[in-house]
Amino acid sequence: MAFRKSEKVVLIGNSHAAVAVIETLRREGFQGHLTLVSEENLPVFSPTALPYLFGSKEKRSRCLRPVEFYHGLSVIQERAASIDPDRSQVILESGATLHYDRLVLSTGASAAPVDLDGASGDQPLTLRRAPDLERIEKRAKRSRKILILGGGLIGLHLAEVLSGKGKEVLVLELKDQILPGLVHRELSRVLIDHYEREGIRIRLGSSIKGIHDHEAVLSSGESVGADLVLAAVGIRPNVEIVRDTKVAVREGILVNERMETNVDG
């Protein structure tokens, strides 16, 4: 269903999807009212770009869109707590409500958590938003031994950056190759050789059981030094906002070929 030019459109989440919707509506001559609800400060960064900004002093130049992009629409920097499709309302964390004619759910995903049985002390840090990057940068400055959970793109890039700064880096990948699902097993072996020549240690078929006093206990029972533990083990869709509604959810929010949910609006 096309958007009518006079509609009130509310977008929840400042993701790639939200940017695409805003750009498309502007290109199509939309003259209604656009409201963006996002708890993140502007401008925002693509989650996949964050590892490349580690230690960079020019972070603003690598944002998803400049601040000027958001001129001409209402921006509410607050968390959307829930939605009420029957009343066409978004309920903000403050208790305030927003009425909409059309609602765009562009809530994106969060870093998948790592559950550590009986873990004490610091939990693994994840990288998904700009504040996460700042937190990791500060911790890394005073850390010598860094353990990275996950041998995917983000985990391996962080390993390269941190190793280049003189840190001792160990990467744990639960599967039997790095970059699982992205490269062939033979290429994975070639890449492991490359990383290890750069001083990055990689353990396949290995995970972590707990952290205590700068020591991490691996699934094998071995203990390794870990001043800082980073987790890059994937993502999970942000679907909590529709959990108590009629919007259909499976692994994520279910949509049709037009990216519409089963609920009108």
Protein backbone atom coordinates (compact mmCIF):
# COMPACT_ATOMS: atom_id res chain seq x y z
CA MET A 1 0.00 0.00 0.00
CA ALA A 2 1.45 3.40 -0.99
CA PHE A 3 1.75 6.15 1.60
CA ARG A 4 -0.71 9.00 1.17
CA LYS A 5 1.00 12.38 0.94
CA SER A 6 -0.79 13.84 3.98
CA GLU A 7 -0.29 10.97 6.42
CA LYS A 8 1.41 11.05 9.81
CA VAL A 9 4.22 8.51 9.57
CA VAL A 10 6.16 7.40 12.66
CA LEU A 11 9.39 5.45 12.32
CA ILE A 12 10.74 3.52 15.30
CA GLY A 13 14.50 3.02 15.14
CA ASN A 14 17.17 4.92 13.20
CA SER A 15 18.52 2.06 11.12
CA HIS A 16 19.40 1.52 7.45
CA ALA A 17 15.72 0.70 6.93
CA ALA A 18 14.57 4.01 8.44
CA VAL A 19 17.02 5.96 6.28
CA ALA A 20 15.78 4.14 3.16
CA VAL A 21 12.14 4.94 4.02
CA ILE A 22 12.90 8.62 4.63
CA GLU A 23 14.83 8.91 1.37
CA THR A 24 12.10 7.11 -0.58
CA LEU A 25 9.28 9.27 0.82
CA ARG A 26 11.21 12.44 0.03
CA ARG A 27 11.92 11.24 -3.50
CA GLU A 28 8.23 10.42 -4.02
CA GLY A 29 7.15 13.90 -2.90
CA PHE A 30 5.69 12.90 0.48
CA GLN A 31 4.20 16.00 2.15
CA GLY A 32 2.89 14.49 5.36
CA HIS A 33 4.49 14.58 8.81
CA LEU A 34 7.47 12.34 9.54
CA THR A 35 8.49 11.51 13.11
CA LEU A 36 11.56 9.46 13.96
CA VAL A 37 11.73 7.84 17.41
CA SER A 38 15.23 6.71 18.36
CA GLU A 39 17.04 6.52 21.67
CA GLU A 40 20.42 6.91 19.93
CA ASN A 41 22.09 10.27 19.58
CA LEU A 42 22.42 11.72 16.09
CA PRO A 43 24.19 11.05 13.86
CA VAL A 44 24.23 7.26 14.06
CA PHE A 45 26.71 4.79 12.61
CA SER A 46 26.15 1.60 10.69
CA PRO A 47 26.80 -1.28 13.13
CA THR A 48 28.96 -3.01 10.53
CA ALA A 49 31.15 0.10 10.20
CA LEU A 50 31.92 0.44 13.91
CA PRO A 51 34.96 -1.90 14.00
CA TYR A 52 36.56 0.22 11.27
CA LEU A 53 36.21 3.33 13.45
CA PHE A 54 38.20 1.87 16.34
CA GLY A 55 40.74 4.50 17.38
CA SER A 56 39.68 6.89 14.61
CA LYS A 57 39.50 10.61 15.37
CA GLU A 58 37.26 11.25 12.36
CA LYS A 59 34.23 9.22 13.42
CA ARG A 60 31.70 11.88 12.38
CA SER A 61 32.73 11.55 8.74
CA ARG A 62 31.73 7.86 8.79
CA CYS A 63 28.19 8.19 10.16
CA LEU A 64 25.20 6.62 8.43
CA ARG A 65 23.89 10.06 7.44
CA PRO A 66 24.93 13.58 8.55
CA VAL A 67 22.80 15.49 11.06
CA GLU A 68 21.48 17.68 8.24
CA PHE A 69 19.73 14.62 6.79
CA TYR A 70 17.23 14.76 9.67
CA HIS A 71 16.22 18.37 9.10
CA GLY A 72 12.57 18.68 8.14
CA LEU A 73 11.31 15.83 10.31
CA SER A 74 10.55 15.50 13.99
CA VAL A 75 13.14 13.53 15.94
CA ILE A 76 12.30 12.20 19.39
CA GLN A 77 15.40 10.88 21.17
CA GLU A 78 13.63 8.50 23.50
CA ARG A 79 12.95 4.78 23.64
CA ALA A 80 9.64 3.58 22.24
CA ALA A 81 8.34 1.31 25.01
CA SER A 82 5.39 -0.28 23.18
CA ILE A 83 2.84 0.14 20.44
CA ASP A 84 -0.95 -0.08 20.40
CA PRO A 85 -1.99 -0.92 16.82
CA ASP A 86 -5.71 -0.84 17.71
CA ARG A 87 -5.39 2.84 18.69
CA SER A 88 -2.59 3.62 16.20
CA GLN A 89 -0.34 4.80 19.00
CA VAL A 90 3.30 4.56 19.99
CA ILE A 91 3.89 4.70 23.75
CA LEU A 92 7.20 6.27 24.72
CA GLU A 93 9.24 5.37 27.79
CA SER A 94 8.17 8.66 29.40
CA GLY A 95 4.51 7.63 29.05
CA ALA A 96 3.80 10.11 26.26
CA THR A 97 1.94 8.78 23.22
CA LEU A 98 2.27 9.45 19.50
CA HIS A 99 -0.57 8.95 17.04
CA TYR A 100 0.24 7.63 13.59
CA ASP A 101 -1.48 6.86 10.32
CA ARG A 102 1.36 4.59 9.25
CA LEU A 103 4.01 2.99 11.45
CA VAL A 104 7.42 1.84 10.26
CA LEU A 105 9.19 -0.70 12.49
CA SER A 106 12.89 -0.24 11.78
CA THR A 107 14.14 -1.45 15.14
CA GLY A 108 17.12 -3.38 13.78
CA ALA A 109 18.96 -5.87 15.96
CA SER A 110 21.05 -6.09 19.12
CA ALA A 111 24.28 -7.94 19.73
CA ALA A 112 23.58 -11.51 20.79
CA PRO A 113 24.40 -11.95 24.48
CA VAL A 114 26.85 -14.50 25.83
CA ASP A 115 25.58 -16.51 28.79
CA LEU A 116 28.34 -17.46 31.20
CA ASP A 117 27.42 -19.96 33.91
CA GLY A 118 28.45 -18.71 37.30
CA ALA A 119 30.40 -15.80 35.82
CA SER A 120 31.71 -13.21 38.22
CA GLY A 121 33.17 -9.80 37.54
CA ASP A 122 32.94 -8.14 34.16
CA GLN A 123 30.75 -9.61 31.46
CA PRO A 124 31.88 -9.67 27.82
CA LEU A 125 31.45 -6.37 26.00
CA THR A 126 29.60 -6.25 22.69
CA LEU A 127 29.88 -3.83 19.77
CA ARG A 128 26.66 -2.62 18.18
CA ARG A 129 26.38 1.12 18.84
CA ALA A 130 28.73 4.10 19.11
CA PRO A 131 28.70 4.09 22.97
CA ASP A 132 29.81 0.43 22.83
CA LEU A 133 32.81 1.44 20.75
CA GLU A 134 33.77 4.19 23.19
CA ARG A 135 33.51 1.73 26.10
CA ILE A 136 35.71 -0.84 24.36
CA GLU A 137 38.29 1.78 23.37
CA LYS A 138 38.65 2.92 26.99
CA ARG A 139 38.92 -0.62 28.35
CA ALA A 140 41.37 -1.71 25.66
CA LYS A 141 43.81 1.06 26.59
CA ARG A 142 44.41 -0.55 29.98
CA SER A 143 44.24 -4.17 28.81
CA ARG A 144 47.09 -6.35 27.55
CA LYS A 145 45.44 -9.73 26.97
CA ILE A 146 42.19 -9.60 24.99
CA LEU A 147 39.87 -12.52 24.33
CA ILE A 148 37.40 -12.26 21.44
CA LEU A 149 34.42 -14.59 21.22
CA GLY A 150 33.41 -15.16 17.61
CA GLY A 151 35.43 -15.58 14.43
CA GLY A 152 33.12 -13.62 12.16
CA LEU A 153 33.77 -10.34 10.35
CA ILE A 154 33.43 -8.07 13.38
CA GLY A 155 35.40 -10.32 15.73
CA LEU A 156 38.27 -10.75 13.27
CA HIS A 157 38.47 -7.08 12.42
CA LEU A 158 38.61 -6.17 16.10
CA ALA A 159 41.34 -8.78 16.47
CA GLU A 160 43.37 -7.13 13.69
CA VAL A 161 42.96 -3.64 15.15
CA LEU A 162 43.82 -4.67 18.70
CA SER A 163 46.76 -6.83 17.65
CA GLY A 164 48.07 -3.87 15.65
CA LYS A 165 48.06 -1.88 18.88
CA GLY A 166 50.34 -4.42 20.53
CA LYS A 167 47.66 -6.41 22.39
CA GLU A 168 47.82 -10.18 22.87
CA VAL A 169 44.68 -11.40 21.11
CA LEU A 170 43.02 -14.81 21.24
CA VAL A 171 39.94 -15.51 19.12
CA LEU A 172 37.55 -18.33 20.05
CA GLU A 173 35.22 -19.69 17.36
CA LEU A 174 32.69 -22.34 18.34
CA LYS A 175 32.47 -23.81 14.82
CA ASP A 176 35.19 -25.65 12.92
CA GLN A 177 36.22 -22.66 10.79
CA ILE A 178 36.37 -18.88 10.93
CA LEU A 179 33.88 -16.81 8.94
CA PRO A 180 31.38 -19.70 8.98
CA GLY A 181 28.78 -19.40 6.24
CA LEU A 182 30.83 -16.72 4.49
CA VAL A 183 33.90 -18.48 3.09
CA HIS A 184 34.84 -22.02 2.09
CA ARG A 185 36.63 -24.11 4.70
CA GLU A 186 39.86 -24.15 2.62
CA LEU A 187 39.92 -20.34 2.48
CA SER A 188 39.25 -20.29 6.20
CA ARG A 189 42.46 -22.25 6.77
CA VAL A 190 44.41 -19.83 4.58
CA LEU A 191 43.03 -16.90 6.56
CA ILE A 192 43.87 -18.54 9.88
CA ASP A 193 47.48 -18.88 8.73
CA HIS A 194 47.47 -15.19 7.81
CA TYR A 195 46.07 -14.07 11.15
CA GLU A 196 48.45 -16.24 13.13
CA ARG A 197 51.43 -14.83 11.21
CA GLU A 198 50.16 -11.45 12.41
CA GLY A 199 50.29 -12.69 16.00
CA ILE A 200 46.58 -13.41 16.45
CA ARG A 201 45.87 -16.80 18.01
CA ILE A 202 42.71 -18.62 16.92
CA ARG A 203 41.01 -21.59 18.57
CA LEU A 204 38.32 -23.46 16.66
CA GLY A 205 35.60 -25.54 18.31
CA SER A 206 36.13 -23.57 21.50
CA SER A 207 33.96 -21.41 23.73
CA ILE A 208 34.10 -19.79 27.15
CA LYS A 209 32.56 -21.01 30.40
CA GLY A 210 33.36 -18.16 32.80
CA ILE A 211 35.52 -15.18 33.70
CA HIS A 212 37.16 -14.47 37.05
CA ASP A 213 40.04 -12.20 38.07
CA HIS A 214 41.42 -11.61 34.56
CA GLU A 215 41.21 -15.32 33.78
CA ALA A 216 38.79 -16.99 31.38
CA VAL A 217 37.88 -20.66 31.65
CA LEU A 218 37.43 -22.25 28.24
CA SER A 219 35.10 -25.10 27.32
CA SER A 220 38.13 -27.41 27.39
CA GLY A 221 38.75 -26.54 31.03
CA GLU A 222 41.89 -24.56 30.19
CA SER A 223 42.38 -21.12 31.76
CA VAL A 224 43.76 -18.22 29.72
CA GLY A 225 44.58 -14.64 30.63
CA ALA A 226 41.86 -12.15 29.71
CA ASP A 227 42.01 -8.52 30.81
CA LEU A 228 39.16 -7.79 28.42
CA VAL A 229 36.60 -10.10 26.81
CA LEU A 230 34.69 -9.02 23.70
CA ALA A 231 31.73 -10.92 22.28
CA ALA A 232 30.94 -10.87 18.55
CA VAL A 233 28.73 -13.93 18.23
CA GLY A 234 25.97 -12.56 16.04
CA ILE A 235 22.79 -10.57 16.47
CA ARG A 236 19.17 -11.00 17.52
CA PRO A 237 16.24 -9.01 16.09
CA ASN A 238 14.69 -6.32 18.29
CA VAL A 239 11.10 -7.56 18.41
CA GLU A 240 10.22 -6.83 22.04
CA ILE A 241 8.11 -3.82 21.07
CA VAL A 242 5.54 -6.05 19.32
CA ARG A 243 5.60 -9.03 21.70
CA ASP A 244 2.21 -8.28 23.27
CA THR A 245 0.47 -7.27 20.05
CA LYS A 246 -1.13 -9.12 17.14
CA VAL A 247 1.94 -8.52 14.97
CA ALA A 248 3.26 -11.91 13.89
CA VAL A 249 6.77 -12.79 15.06
CA ARG A 250 8.99 -15.77 14.42
CA GLU A 251 12.77 -15.27 14.46
CA GLY A 252 11.94 -11.67 13.53
CA ILE A 253 8.86 -9.66 12.59
CA LEU A 254 7.04 -11.46 9.77
CA VAL A 255 6.29 -9.41 6.65
CA ASN A 256 4.95 -10.00 3.15
CA GLU A 257 6.64 -9.23 -0.16
CA ARG A 258 5.80 -5.53 0.36
CA MET A 259 7.44 -5.49 3.81
CA GLU A 260 4.02 -5.19 5.52
CA THR A 261 3.12 -7.01 8.73
CA ASN A 262 -0.14 -8.87 9.24
CA VAL A 263 -1.58 -5.82 11.06
CA ASP A 264 -2.91 -2.85 9.09
CA GLY A 265 -1.19 0.50 9.63
